[in-house]
Every structure is written in C-alpha cells, then in structure tokens.
C-alpha cells in the first residue's frame, strides 16, 4: 500500500524524533490493519478489530475518530480483498489525511486544556 511506503520514507527522513516516532507507530498500525484484512474477510469483524488497535491511548477516545476511521477501514479492507486494491491508494491517502488531522486536533486539544490547580 502506497500510504505505508510514504509514511516509512517520512519517518526515515524526519528530523524530529517525536514526529518520526509517530510515523513509525502509524506504520505499525497500518501494517496491523493489512494483516487483519488478510485474515478476516468479513468486513464487520475486520472493522470491530480495526477500531481497537490503539488509535488513541487504550482506545479510550477512538470513538471521537469514528467517522474517518471507519471510512479508512472500509477502504483498507477493500484494498486487501478485491482485485482493484491498487486503485484505492489515492482514496486511502485522502482518508488518512482526514483521520490524521482529526486525531492531531484531539491530541492538541487534550494537551492545551488547562488543568485546574488543586485547592489548598
């Protein structure tokens, strides 16, 4: 899948250790999804498993990513189980960008929320 190769290349070229690590974690998630799709021909079962591979810590906030994540899962399953898989690369990349933007918004939102100071 073209997206995985792009993320691997970006991880190798990235100067920020934090961003390089995020790329590597995303590659691992996508590799896991490809493996799941190969082993699970039933779309519903694939999606149920694909929603729980660590998109957020402990998958506690994964539901907030549900719409673009489900679109991505649909595309990846089709990529692995149909004869037109390679033709889906552009759609997968666009859906990945949508998911990534939303995920980063949620992450930054969590990091920027002020924590109340304890009352003495």
Protein backbone atom coordinates (compact mmCIF):
# COMPACT_ATOMS: atom_id res chain seq x y z
CA UNK A 1 0.00 0.00 0.00
CA UNK A 2 1.40 3.34 -1.08
CA UNK A 3 0.50 5.11 2.20
CA UNK A 4 2.68 2.77 4.25
CA UNK A 5 5.65 3.34 1.97
CA UNK A 6 5.14 7.11 2.18
CA UNK A 7 5.00 7.05 5.99
CA UNK A 8 8.09 4.82 6.20
CA UNK A 9 10.01 7.23 3.98
CA UNK A 10 8.86 10.22 6.03
CA UNK A 11 9.89 8.51 9.28
CA UNK A 12 13.38 7.88 7.87
CA UNK A 13 13.73 11.49 6.70
CA UNK A 14 12.14 13.20 9.72
CA UNK A 15 14.49 15.31 11.85
CA UNK A 16 12.14 15.47 14.84
CA UNK A 17 12.38 12.30 16.95
CA UNK A 18 8.80 12.86 18.15
CA UNK A 19 7.35 13.07 14.63
CA UNK A 20 9.50 10.16 13.42
CA UNK A 21 8.11 8.04 16.26
CA UNK A 22 4.53 8.99 15.34
CA UNK A 23 5.21 7.91 11.75
CA UNK A 24 6.62 4.57 12.92
CA UNK A 25 3.60 3.99 15.19
CA UNK A 26 1.25 4.76 12.30
CA UNK A 27 3.11 2.35 10.02
CA UNK A 28 2.76 -0.35 12.68
CA UNK A 29 -1.00 0.33 12.95
CA UNK A 30 -1.44 0.19 9.18
CA UNK A 31 0.63 -2.99 8.92
CA UNK A 32 -1.63 -4.49 11.60
CA UNK A 33 -4.72 -3.46 9.62
CA UNK A 34 -3.37 -5.12 6.47
CA UNK A 35 -2.75 -8.31 8.42
CA UNK A 36 -6.25 -8.16 9.91
CA UNK A 37 -7.81 -7.60 6.47
CA UNK A 38 -5.95 -10.60 5.03
CA UNK A 39 -7.08 -12.82 7.89
CA UNK A 40 -10.64 -11.52 8.25
CA UNK A 41 -12.69 -11.49 5.04
CA UNK A 42 -15.85 -10.41 6.93
CA UNK A 43 -15.97 -6.59 6.88
CA UNK A 44 -17.89 -6.19 10.17
CA UNK A 45 -15.42 -8.35 12.10
CA UNK A 46 -12.47 -6.58 10.49
CA UNK A 47 -13.86 -3.17 11.43
CA UNK A 48 -14.57 -4.25 15.01
CA UNK A 49 -10.96 -5.39 15.39
CA UNK A 50 -9.55 -2.43 13.45
CA UNK A 51 -11.20 0.06 15.77
CA UNK A 52 -9.28 -1.41 18.72
CA UNK A 53 -5.63 -1.34 17.70
CA UNK A 54 -4.51 1.65 19.71
CA UNK A 55 -5.60 4.68 17.71
CA UNK A 56 -5.68 6.58 20.99
CA UNK A 57 -4.11 5.54 24.32
CA UNK A 58 -6.04 2.49 25.44
CA UNK A 59 -8.50 3.30 22.64
CA UNK A 60 -10.27 5.46 25.24
CA UNK A 61 -11.01 8.25 22.74
CA UNK A 62 -11.08 6.28 19.49
CA UNK A 63 -14.85 6.84 19.20
CA UNK A 64 -14.11 10.52 18.57
CA UNK A 65 -12.32 9.44 15.37
CA UNK A 66 -15.03 7.04 14.27
CA UNK A 67 -16.24 8.65 11.00
CA UNK A 68 -12.91 8.98 9.16
CA UNK A 69 -11.56 5.83 10.81
CA UNK A 70 -14.47 3.74 9.56
CA UNK A 71 -14.01 5.14 6.04
CA UNK A 72 -10.33 4.19 6.24
CA UNK A 73 -11.17 0.69 7.46
CA UNK A 74 -13.66 0.21 4.61
CA UNK A 75 -11.04 1.26 2.05
CA UNK A 76 -8.24 -0.87 3.52
CA UNK A 77 -10.48 -3.93 3.65
CA UNK A 78 -11.47 -3.40 0.03
CA UNK A 79 -7.81 -2.81 -0.89
CA UNK A 80 -6.85 -6.18 0.56
CA UNK A 81 -9.85 -8.25 -0.51
CA UNK A 82 -10.68 -7.00 -4.00
CA UNK A 83 -8.92 -7.05 -7.34
CA UNK A 84 -8.96 -3.23 -7.57
CA UNK A 85 -6.89 -2.66 -4.43
CA UNK A 86 -4.12 -0.62 -6.01
CA UNK A 87 -6.68 1.76 -7.50
CA UNK A 88 -7.75 2.72 -3.97
CA UNK A 89 -4.41 4.20 -2.91
CA UNK A 90 -5.42 7.81 -3.56
CA UNK A 91 -8.69 7.44 -1.63
CA UNK A 92 -6.83 5.77 1.24
CA UNK A 93 -4.29 8.60 1.38
CA UNK A 94 -7.00 11.28 1.42
CA UNK A 95 -8.98 9.48 4.11
CA UNK A 96 -5.75 9.05 6.11
CA UNK A 97 -5.18 12.82 5.96
CA UNK A 98 -8.71 13.43 7.25
CA UNK A 99 -8.17 10.96 10.09
CA UNK A 100 -4.72 12.33 10.91
CA UNK A 101 -6.00 15.93 11.08
CA UNK A 102 -8.83 14.99 13.42
CA UNK A 103 -6.53 12.87 15.58
CA UNK A 104 -3.99 15.72 15.90
CA UNK A 105 -6.77 18.19 16.74
CA UNK A 106 -7.92 15.89 19.54
CA UNK A 107 -4.36 15.35 20.77
CA UNK A 108 -3.53 19.05 20.75
CA UNK A 109 -6.85 19.82 22.39
CA UNK A 110 -6.01 17.46 25.24
CA UNK A 111 -2.54 18.94 25.65
CA UNK A 112 -3.76 22.53 25.61
CA UNK A 113 -6.61 22.14 28.09
CA UNK A 114 -5.56 23.81 31.33
CA UNK A 115 -5.54 21.55 34.34
CA UNK A 116 -7.14 23.16 37.38
CA UNK A 117 -4.80 23.73 40.29
CA UNK A 118 -5.66 21.87 43.46
CA UNK A 119 -7.28 23.94 46.17
CA UNK A 120 -5.17 24.06 49.33
